[in-house]
Amino acid sequence: MSKIVLARVDSRLIHGQVVTKWLQQSAANEIIVVSDELEQDEFLQSIYLMAAPPGVEVIIKGTESVQAYWENEAAAKNSKVLFLVPDLTTLREMVEAGVVKEAIQVGGLGGGPSRKNVVKNINLSEDDVEILEGLLAKNMEVYFQAIPEETPVPIHKLIEKYKIL
């Protein structure tokens, strides 16, 4: 049975830090990317597939198709999975579906309207804060960590900062 060794929220999904640092740190040999948008875009998929190093399988699924994949195909494998989602809404769906039960690392959330920068690479909206508070209420461990060399920051500290901004 496959195991998620790192569940990470990162709006950039597969990029240099993920490939060079987090794969090595987590010893993952498979990356599952969950994105409804990416599932529909074969060209973008090909770019993400090329970004992965040799020997690391990349699976790209949408929020619905990943559930069946996780329960059937992943259960039949013995992979160490780096589980990537682009945003907190997708993460919440994966937690509610019972796919993600592990600690959750928030690595990067992009900016935009109605989003406040709380720390390098992390911009939160009111919806994000609501989702994060819901995860904390379920006693899930959620923390911010951009790179392995940084000390993880408990997400409640970023929520507190958001509320005073």
N, C-alpha and C. Protein backbone atom coordinates (compact mmCIF):
# COMPACT_ATOMS: atom_id res chain seq x y z
N MET A 1 0.84 -1.19 0.00
CA MET A 1 0.00 0.00 0.00
C MET A 1 0.88 1.25 0.00
N SER A 2 0.57 2.18 -0.87
CA SER A 2 1.32 3.43 -0.94
C SER A 2 1.08 4.28 0.31
N LYS A 3 2.07 5.11 0.62
CA LYS A 3 1.98 5.97 1.79
C LYS A 3 2.38 7.39 1.40
N ILE A 4 1.61 8.36 1.88
CA ILE A 4 1.97 9.77 1.66
C ILE A 4 3.07 10.11 2.67
N VAL A 5 4.26 10.45 2.15
CA VAL A 5 5.36 10.83 3.02
C VAL A 5 5.44 12.34 3.20
N LEU A 6 4.80 13.08 2.29
CA LEU A 6 4.71 14.53 2.43
C LEU A 6 3.49 15.02 1.67
N ALA A 7 2.57 15.67 2.39
CA ALA A 7 1.42 16.33 1.77
C ALA A 7 1.72 17.82 1.77
N ARG A 8 1.80 18.42 0.58
CA ARG A 8 2.26 19.80 0.47
C ARG A 8 1.28 20.63 -0.37
N VAL A 9 0.99 21.83 0.12
CA VAL A 9 0.19 22.80 -0.63
C VAL A 9 1.19 23.78 -1.24
N ASP A 10 1.20 23.85 -2.57
CA ASP A 10 2.14 24.75 -3.25
C ASP A 10 1.51 25.14 -4.58
N SER A 11 1.21 26.42 -4.72
CA SER A 11 0.52 26.88 -5.93
C SER A 11 1.35 26.64 -7.19
N ARG A 12 2.67 26.45 -7.04
CA ARG A 12 3.52 26.19 -8.21
C ARG A 12 3.65 24.70 -8.52
N LEU A 13 3.14 23.86 -7.66
CA LEU A 13 3.17 22.41 -7.82
C LEU A 13 4.60 21.90 -7.98
N ILE A 14 4.94 21.30 -9.13
CA ILE A 14 6.29 20.75 -9.31
C ILE A 14 7.20 21.87 -9.81
N HIS A 15 8.20 22.20 -9.01
CA HIS A 15 9.19 23.22 -9.41
C HIS A 15 10.53 22.84 -8.78
N GLY A 16 11.52 23.65 -8.98
CA GLY A 16 12.89 23.33 -8.57
C GLY A 16 13.05 22.86 -7.14
N GLN A 17 12.49 23.60 -6.17
CA GLN A 17 12.64 23.21 -4.76
C GLN A 17 11.99 21.86 -4.49
N VAL A 18 10.83 21.64 -5.08
CA VAL A 18 10.14 20.37 -4.86
C VAL A 18 11.00 19.23 -5.39
N VAL A 19 11.51 19.41 -6.60
CA VAL A 19 12.28 18.35 -7.24
C VAL A 19 13.62 18.14 -6.54
N THR A 20 14.34 19.21 -6.24
CA THR A 20 15.69 19.03 -5.71
C THR A 20 15.73 18.80 -4.22
N LYS A 21 14.83 19.41 -3.47
CA LYS A 21 14.94 19.33 -2.02
C LYS A 21 13.91 18.43 -1.36
N TRP A 22 12.64 18.62 -1.68
CA TRP A 22 11.60 17.87 -0.96
C TRP A 22 11.55 16.40 -1.36
N LEU A 23 11.84 16.08 -2.61
CA LEU A 23 11.88 14.67 -2.99
C LEU A 23 12.97 13.95 -2.21
N GLN A 24 14.14 14.57 -2.16
CA GLN A 24 15.27 13.97 -1.44
C GLN A 24 14.96 13.86 0.06
N GLN A 25 14.46 14.94 0.64
CA GLN A 25 14.16 14.98 2.07
C GLN A 25 13.11 13.93 2.46
N SER A 26 12.11 13.77 1.63
CA SER A 26 11.01 12.86 1.95
C SER A 26 11.26 11.43 1.48
N ALA A 27 12.26 11.25 0.60
CA ALA A 27 12.57 9.94 0.00
C ALA A 27 11.39 9.41 -0.83
N ALA A 28 10.58 10.33 -1.37
CA ALA A 28 9.43 9.93 -2.20
C ALA A 28 9.92 9.40 -3.55
N ASN A 29 9.18 8.42 -4.08
CA ASN A 29 9.49 7.91 -5.42
C ASN A 29 8.30 8.07 -6.37
N GLU A 30 7.28 8.77 -5.89
CA GLU A 30 6.11 9.06 -6.72
C GLU A 30 5.56 10.43 -6.30
N ILE A 31 5.15 11.20 -7.29
CA ILE A 31 4.50 12.48 -7.02
C ILE A 31 3.07 12.38 -7.53
N ILE A 32 2.12 12.67 -6.67
CA ILE A 32 0.72 12.77 -7.11
C ILE A 32 0.36 14.24 -7.06
N VAL A 33 -0.03 14.77 -8.20
CA VAL A 33 -0.47 16.16 -8.31
C VAL A 33 -1.99 16.14 -8.47
N VAL A 34 -2.68 16.88 -7.61
CA VAL A 34 -4.14 16.94 -7.70
C VAL A 34 -4.55 18.33 -8.17
N SER A 35 -5.08 18.38 -9.38
CA SER A 35 -5.53 19.65 -9.96
C SER A 35 -6.54 19.36 -11.05
N ASP A 36 -7.76 19.85 -10.87
CA ASP A 36 -8.79 19.66 -11.90
C ASP A 36 -8.37 20.34 -13.20
N GLU A 37 -7.77 21.52 -13.08
CA GLU A 37 -7.33 22.27 -14.26
C GLU A 37 -6.25 21.50 -15.02
N LEU A 38 -5.27 20.99 -14.30
CA LEU A 38 -4.16 20.28 -14.93
C LEU A 38 -4.62 18.97 -15.55
N GLU A 39 -5.58 18.31 -14.91
CA GLU A 39 -6.09 17.05 -15.42
C GLU A 39 -6.67 17.23 -16.83
N GLN A 40 -7.19 18.43 -17.11
CA GLN A 40 -7.82 18.71 -18.41
C GLN A 40 -6.85 19.26 -19.46
N ASP A 41 -5.61 19.55 -19.08
CA ASP A 41 -4.68 20.23 -19.97
C ASP A 41 -3.46 19.36 -20.25
N GLU A 42 -3.49 18.64 -21.38
CA GLU A 42 -2.42 17.69 -21.70
C GLU A 42 -1.08 18.39 -21.92
N PHE A 43 -1.11 19.60 -22.50
CA PHE A 43 0.14 20.32 -22.73
C PHE A 43 0.83 20.66 -21.41
N LEU A 44 0.07 21.24 -20.47
CA LEU A 44 0.65 21.56 -19.16
C LEU A 44 1.10 20.30 -18.43
N GLN A 45 0.34 19.23 -18.55
CA GLN A 45 0.73 17.97 -17.94
C GLN A 45 2.12 17.55 -18.42
N SER A 46 2.35 17.66 -19.72
CA SER A 46 3.64 17.24 -20.29
C SER A 46 4.78 18.05 -19.69
N ILE A 47 4.56 19.32 -19.42
CA ILE A 47 5.59 20.16 -18.81
C ILE A 47 5.91 19.67 -17.40
N TYR A 48 4.88 19.39 -16.62
CA TYR A 48 5.10 18.90 -15.26
C TYR A 48 5.77 17.53 -15.26
N LEU A 49 5.39 16.68 -16.20
CA LEU A 49 6.00 15.35 -16.29
C LEU A 49 7.49 15.47 -16.60
N MET A 50 7.86 16.44 -17.44
CA MET A 50 9.27 16.63 -17.78
C MET A 50 10.06 17.20 -16.60
N ALA A 51 9.40 17.89 -15.70
CA ALA A 51 10.09 18.52 -14.57
C ALA A 51 10.54 17.50 -13.52
N ALA A 52 9.94 16.34 -13.52
CA ALA A 52 10.28 15.33 -12.52
C ALA A 52 11.58 14.63 -12.88
N PRO A 53 12.38 14.29 -11.88
CA PRO A 53 13.64 13.60 -12.16
C PRO A 53 13.41 12.15 -12.59
N PRO A 54 14.39 11.54 -13.23
CA PRO A 54 14.26 10.14 -13.63
C PRO A 54 14.00 9.25 -12.42
N GLY A 55 13.18 8.25 -12.61
CA GLY A 55 12.90 7.30 -11.54
C GLY A 55 11.78 7.72 -10.62
N VAL A 56 11.23 8.92 -10.84
CA VAL A 56 10.10 9.38 -10.01
C VAL A 56 8.86 9.42 -10.90
N GLU A 57 7.89 8.61 -10.56
CA GLU A 57 6.65 8.59 -11.34
C GLU A 57 5.78 9.78 -10.94
N VAL A 58 5.17 10.41 -11.93
CA VAL A 58 4.26 11.53 -11.68
C VAL A 58 2.87 11.14 -12.12
N ILE A 59 1.93 11.25 -11.22
CA ILE A 59 0.52 10.96 -11.49
C ILE A 59 -0.23 12.28 -11.36
N ILE A 60 -0.99 12.65 -12.39
CA ILE A 60 -1.77 13.89 -12.35
C ILE A 60 -3.25 13.52 -12.43
N LYS A 61 -3.98 13.90 -11.39
CA LYS A 61 -5.40 13.57 -11.30
C LYS A 61 -6.19 14.80 -10.84
N GLY A 62 -7.48 14.76 -11.10
CA GLY A 62 -8.39 15.77 -10.58
C GLY A 62 -8.87 15.34 -9.20
N THR A 63 -9.66 16.21 -8.56
CA THR A 63 -10.10 15.92 -7.19
C THR A 63 -10.98 14.67 -7.09
N GLU A 64 -11.73 14.39 -8.15
CA GLU A 64 -12.57 13.18 -8.10
C GLU A 64 -11.80 11.94 -8.51
N SER A 65 -11.05 12.02 -9.60
CA SER A 65 -10.35 10.83 -10.09
C SER A 65 -9.23 10.38 -9.16
N VAL A 66 -8.67 11.29 -8.38
CA VAL A 66 -7.58 10.88 -7.47
C VAL A 66 -8.10 9.97 -6.37
N GLN A 67 -9.35 10.15 -5.97
CA GLN A 67 -9.89 9.30 -4.91
C GLN A 67 -9.93 7.84 -5.34
N ALA A 68 -10.41 7.59 -6.56
CA ALA A 68 -10.45 6.21 -7.08
C ALA A 68 -9.03 5.69 -7.26
N TYR A 69 -8.14 6.53 -7.75
CA TYR A 69 -6.74 6.12 -7.93
C TYR A 69 -6.14 5.72 -6.57
N TRP A 70 -6.37 6.55 -5.55
CA TRP A 70 -5.77 6.29 -4.23
C TRP A 70 -6.31 5.00 -3.62
N GLU A 71 -7.61 4.77 -3.77
CA GLU A 71 -8.23 3.59 -3.16
C GLU A 71 -7.89 2.30 -3.90
N ASN A 72 -7.64 2.40 -5.22
CA ASN A 72 -7.40 1.18 -6.00
C ASN A 72 -5.95 1.01 -6.41
N GLU A 73 -5.49 1.82 -7.36
CA GLU A 73 -4.15 1.64 -7.90
C GLU A 73 -3.05 1.93 -6.87
N ALA A 74 -3.16 3.03 -6.14
CA ALA A 74 -2.13 3.36 -5.15
C ALA A 74 -2.09 2.32 -4.04
N ALA A 75 -3.26 1.79 -3.70
CA ALA A 75 -3.33 0.77 -2.65
C ALA A 75 -2.59 -0.50 -3.08
N ALA A 76 -2.52 -0.74 -4.38
CA ALA A 76 -1.85 -1.94 -4.89
C ALA A 76 -0.34 -1.75 -5.04
N LYS A 77 0.12 -0.51 -4.93
CA LYS A 77 1.54 -0.21 -5.06
C LYS A 77 2.18 -0.11 -3.68
N ASN A 78 3.48 0.09 -3.69
CA ASN A 78 4.18 0.32 -2.43
C ASN A 78 5.04 1.58 -2.59
N SER A 79 4.41 2.67 -2.98
CA SER A 79 5.12 3.91 -3.26
C SER A 79 5.18 4.82 -2.04
N LYS A 80 6.24 5.64 -2.03
CA LYS A 80 6.33 6.73 -1.06
C LYS A 80 5.96 7.98 -1.84
N VAL A 81 4.85 8.59 -1.45
CA VAL A 81 4.21 9.62 -2.27
C VAL A 81 4.43 11.03 -1.72
N LEU A 82 4.87 11.91 -2.62
CA LEU A 82 4.84 13.35 -2.37
C LEU A 82 3.53 13.81 -2.97
N PHE A 83 2.60 14.24 -2.13
CA PHE A 83 1.23 14.58 -2.54
C PHE A 83 1.12 16.09 -2.64
N LEU A 84 0.93 16.60 -3.85
CA LEU A 84 0.91 18.04 -4.09
C LEU A 84 -0.47 18.54 -4.50
N VAL A 85 -0.91 19.60 -3.85
CA VAL A 85 -2.14 20.28 -4.25
C VAL A 85 -1.83 21.77 -4.42
N PRO A 86 -2.55 22.45 -5.33
CA PRO A 86 -2.23 23.85 -5.61
C PRO A 86 -2.81 24.86 -4.63
N ASP A 87 -3.83 24.45 -3.85
CA ASP A 87 -4.51 25.42 -2.99
C ASP A 87 -5.19 24.72 -1.82
N LEU A 88 -5.65 25.52 -0.89
CA LEU A 88 -6.26 24.97 0.32
C LEU A 88 -7.64 24.38 0.08
N THR A 89 -8.35 24.87 -0.92
CA THR A 89 -9.66 24.30 -1.24
C THR A 89 -9.50 22.84 -1.68
N THR A 90 -8.53 22.60 -2.54
CA THR A 90 -8.25 21.23 -3.00
C THR A 90 -7.80 20.37 -1.82
N LEU A 91 -6.97 20.94 -0.97
CA LEU A 91 -6.51 20.20 0.21
C LEU A 91 -7.69 19.77 1.08
N ARG A 92 -8.60 20.72 1.34
CA ARG A 92 -9.76 20.40 2.18
C ARG A 92 -10.55 19.23 1.57
N GLU A 93 -10.72 19.24 0.25
CA GLU A 93 -11.44 18.13 -0.40
C GLU A 93 -10.72 16.81 -0.18
N MET A 94 -9.40 16.83 -0.21
CA MET A 94 -8.62 15.60 -0.04
C MET A 94 -8.68 15.10 1.41
N VAL A 95 -8.75 16.02 2.35
CA VAL A 95 -8.90 15.64 3.76
C VAL A 95 -10.29 15.07 3.99
N GLU A 96 -11.31 15.75 3.45
CA GLU A 96 -12.69 15.27 3.62
C GLU A 96 -12.91 13.92 2.96
N ALA A 97 -12.17 13.66 1.86
CA ALA A 97 -12.30 12.38 1.16
C ALA A 97 -11.51 11.27 1.86
N GLY A 98 -10.75 11.64 2.88
CA GLY A 98 -9.97 10.64 3.61
C GLY A 98 -8.67 10.25 2.92
N VAL A 99 -8.28 10.98 1.89
CA VAL A 99 -7.02 10.68 1.20
C VAL A 99 -5.85 11.21 2.02
N VAL A 100 -5.93 12.46 2.45
CA VAL A 100 -4.86 13.07 3.25
C VAL A 100 -5.25 13.01 4.72
N LYS A 101 -4.41 12.30 5.49
CA LYS A 101 -4.63 12.17 6.94
C LYS A 101 -3.39 12.62 7.70
N GLU A 102 -2.31 12.83 6.96
CA GLU A 102 -1.02 13.15 7.55
C GLU A 102 -0.91 14.64 7.86
N ALA A 103 0.24 14.99 8.43
CA ALA A 103 0.58 16.41 8.63
C ALA A 103 0.61 17.09 7.26
N ILE A 104 0.29 18.36 7.25
CA ILE A 104 0.20 19.11 5.99
C ILE A 104 1.19 20.25 6.01
N GLN A 105 1.99 20.30 4.96
CA GLN A 105 2.97 21.37 4.81
C GLN A 105 2.43 22.39 3.81
N VAL A 106 2.39 23.64 4.22
CA VAL A 106 2.00 24.72 3.31
C VAL A 106 3.31 25.37 2.86
N GLY A 107 3.57 25.31 1.55
CA GLY A 107 4.84 25.79 1.04
C GLY A 107 4.75 27.04 0.21
N GLY A 108 3.63 27.27 -0.43
CA GLY A 108 3.50 28.45 -1.26
C GLY A 108 2.06 28.68 -1.70
N LEU A 109 1.56 29.87 -1.44
CA LEU A 109 0.22 30.27 -1.89
C LEU A 109 0.35 31.65 -2.51
N GLY A 110 0.05 31.75 -3.78
CA GLY A 110 0.24 32.98 -4.53
C GLY A 110 -0.65 34.13 -4.08
N GLY A 111 -0.32 35.32 -4.58
CA GLY A 111 -1.06 36.53 -4.25
C GLY A 111 -2.29 36.69 -5.12
N GLY A 112 -2.93 37.83 -4.99
CA GLY A 112 -4.11 38.13 -5.77
C GLY A 112 -5.04 39.02 -4.99
N PRO A 113 -6.17 39.37 -5.62
CA PRO A 113 -7.13 40.23 -4.93
C PRO A 113 -7.65 39.55 -3.66
N SER A 114 -7.86 40.31 -2.64
CA SER A 114 -8.38 39.86 -1.34
C SER A 114 -7.46 38.85 -0.65
N ARG A 115 -6.16 38.89 -0.99
CA ARG A 115 -5.18 38.02 -0.34
C ARG A 115 -4.14 38.89 0.37
N LYS A 116 -3.76 38.50 1.57
CA LYS A 116 -2.76 39.25 2.34
C LYS A 116 -1.50 38.41 2.48
N ASN A 117 -0.35 39.05 2.28
CA ASN A 117 0.93 38.37 2.45
C ASN A 117 1.25 38.27 3.93
N VAL A 118 1.37 37.04 4.43
CA VAL A 118 1.66 36.85 5.85
C VAL A 118 3.11 36.46 6.10
N VAL A 119 3.74 35.87 5.12
CA VAL A 119 5.16 35.49 5.20
C VAL A 119 5.60 35.17 3.78
N LYS A 120 6.90 35.15 3.56
CA LYS A 120 7.44 34.86 2.23
C LYS A 120 6.68 33.70 1.56
N ASN A 121 6.20 33.91 0.36
CA ASN A 121 5.50 32.90 -0.46
C ASN A 121 4.11 32.49 0.04
N ILE A 122 3.62 33.11 1.10
CA ILE A 122 2.29 32.72 1.60
C ILE A 122 1.38 33.94 1.65
N ASN A 123 0.32 33.86 0.85
CA ASN A 123 -0.72 34.89 0.82
C ASN A 123 -2.03 34.20 1.16
N LEU A 124 -2.72 34.72 2.16
CA LEU A 124 -3.96 34.09 2.61
C LEU A 124 -5.17 34.97 2.33
N SER A 125 -6.28 34.30 2.05
CA SER A 125 -7.57 34.98 1.92
C SER A 125 -8.41 34.58 3.13
N GLU A 126 -9.57 35.20 3.27
CA GLU A 126 -10.47 34.80 4.37
C GLU A 126 -10.88 33.35 4.24
N ASP A 127 -11.15 32.90 3.00
CA ASP A 127 -11.51 31.49 2.78
C ASP A 127 -10.39 30.56 3.23
N ASP A 128 -9.13 30.95 2.91
CA ASP A 128 -7.98 30.14 3.31
C ASP A 128 -7.93 30.01 4.82
N VAL A 129 -8.11 31.12 5.52
CA VAL A 129 -8.06 31.11 6.99
C VAL A 129 -9.16 30.20 7.54
N GLU A 130 -10.33 30.29 6.95
CA GLU A 130 -11.44 29.43 7.39
C GLU A 130 -11.10 27.95 7.20
N ILE A 131 -10.51 27.62 6.05
CA ILE A 131 -10.11 26.22 5.78
C ILE A 131 -9.05 25.77 6.78
N LEU A 132 -8.04 26.61 6.99
CA LEU A 132 -6.96 26.26 7.92
C LEU A 132 -7.49 26.07 9.34
N GLU A 133 -8.38 26.96 9.77
CA GLU A 133 -8.96 26.82 11.11
C GLU A 133 -9.77 25.53 11.21
N GLY A 134 -10.46 25.16 10.13
CA GLY A 134 -11.21 23.90 10.11
C GLY A 134 -10.29 22.69 10.25
N LEU A 135 -9.13 22.73 9.58
CA LEU A 135 -8.17 21.64 9.68
C LEU A 135 -7.59 21.55 11.09
N LEU A 136 -7.29 22.70 11.66
CA LEU A 136 -6.76 22.72 13.03
C LEU A 136 -7.81 22.20 14.02
N ALA A 137 -9.08 22.51 13.76
CA ALA A 137 -10.16 22.03 14.63
C ALA A 137 -10.26 20.50 14.59
N LYS A 138 -9.79 19.89 13.48
CA LYS A 138 -9.77 18.43 13.36
C LYS A 138 -8.50 17.85 13.96
N ASN A 139 -7.73 18.70 14.65
CA ASN A 139 -6.46 18.30 15.26
C ASN A 139 -5.43 17.83 14.25
N MET A 140 -5.49 18.38 13.03
CA MET A 140 -4.48 18.06 12.03
C MET A 140 -3.29 18.98 12.23
N GLU A 141 -2.11 18.42 12.00
CA GLU A 141 -0.89 19.24 12.08
C GLU A 141 -0.73 19.95 10.74
N VAL A 142 -0.71 21.29 10.79
CA VAL A 142 -0.55 22.10 9.58
C VAL A 142 0.55 23.11 9.87
N TYR A 143 1.53 23.18 8.98
CA TYR A 143 2.65 24.09 9.21
C TYR A 143 3.14 24.68 7.89
N PHE A 144 3.82 25.82 8.00
CA PHE A 144 4.44 26.46 6.84
C PHE A 144 5.92 26.11 6.83
N GLN A 145 6.41 25.70 5.67
CA GLN A 145 7.84 25.47 5.48
C GLN A 145 8.13 25.52 3.99
N ALA A 146 8.86 26.54 3.57
CA ALA A 146 9.16 26.70 2.14
C ALA A 146 10.24 25.72 1.69
N ILE A 147 11.31 25.63 2.48
CA ILE A 147 12.44 24.74 2.13
C ILE A 147 12.85 23.94 3.36
N PRO A 148 13.48 22.77 3.16
CA PRO A 148 13.82 21.92 4.30
C PRO A 148 14.72 22.59 5.33
N GLU A 149 15.55 23.54 4.89
CA GLU A 149 16.48 24.20 5.81
C GLU A 149 15.78 25.14 6.79
N GLU A 150 14.54 25.52 6.49
CA GLU A 150 13.80 26.41 7.39
C GLU A 150 13.12 25.61 8.50
N THR A 151 12.96 26.26 9.63
CA THR A 151 12.21 25.65 10.73
C THR A 151 10.72 25.76 10.41
N PRO A 152 9.97 24.66 10.54
CA PRO A 152 8.53 24.74 10.30
C PRO A 152 7.86 25.72 11.25
N VAL A 153 6.90 26.49 10.72
CA VAL A 153 6.15 27.45 11.53
C VAL A 153 4.72 26.95 11.65
N PRO A 154 4.22 26.75 12.87
CA PRO A 154 2.83 26.30 13.03
C PRO A 154 1.88 27.29 12.34
N ILE A 155 0.91 26.76 11.63
CA ILE A 155 0.06 27.60 10.79
C ILE A 155 -0.77 28.58 11.62
N HIS A 156 -1.07 28.27 12.87
CA HIS A 156 -1.88 29.21 13.67
C HIS A 156 -1.15 30.54 13.84
N LYS A 157 0.19 30.54 13.78
CA LYS A 157 0.93 31.81 13.89
C LYS A 157 0.68 32.68 12.65
N LEU A 158 0.55 32.05 11.48
CA LEU A 158 0.27 32.81 10.26
C LEU A 158 -1.17 33.30 10.25
N ILE A 159 -2.08 32.51 10.81
CA ILE A 159 -3.48 32.94 10.91
C ILE A 159 -3.57 34.16 11.82
N GLU A 160 -2.84 34.14 12.94
CA GLU A 160 -2.84 35.29 13.86
C GLU A 160 -2.31 36.53 13.13
N LYS A 161 -1.24 36.36 12.36
CA LYS A 161 -0.67 37.49 11.63
C LYS A 161 -1.68 38.02 10.60
N TYR A 162 -2.37 37.11 9.91
CA TYR A 162 -3.37 37.51 8.93
C TYR A 162 -4.43 38.41 9.58
N LYS A 163 -4.84 38.03 10.77
CA LYS A 163 -5.94 38.74 11.43
C LYS A 163 -5.55 40.15 11.90
N ILE A 164 -4.24 40.39 12.09
CA ILE A 164 -3.84 41.74 12.52
C ILE A 164 -3.41 42.62 11.36
N LEU A 165 -3.28 42.04 10.17
CA LEU A 165 -2.88 42.83 8.99
C LEU A 165 -4.02 43.71 8.51
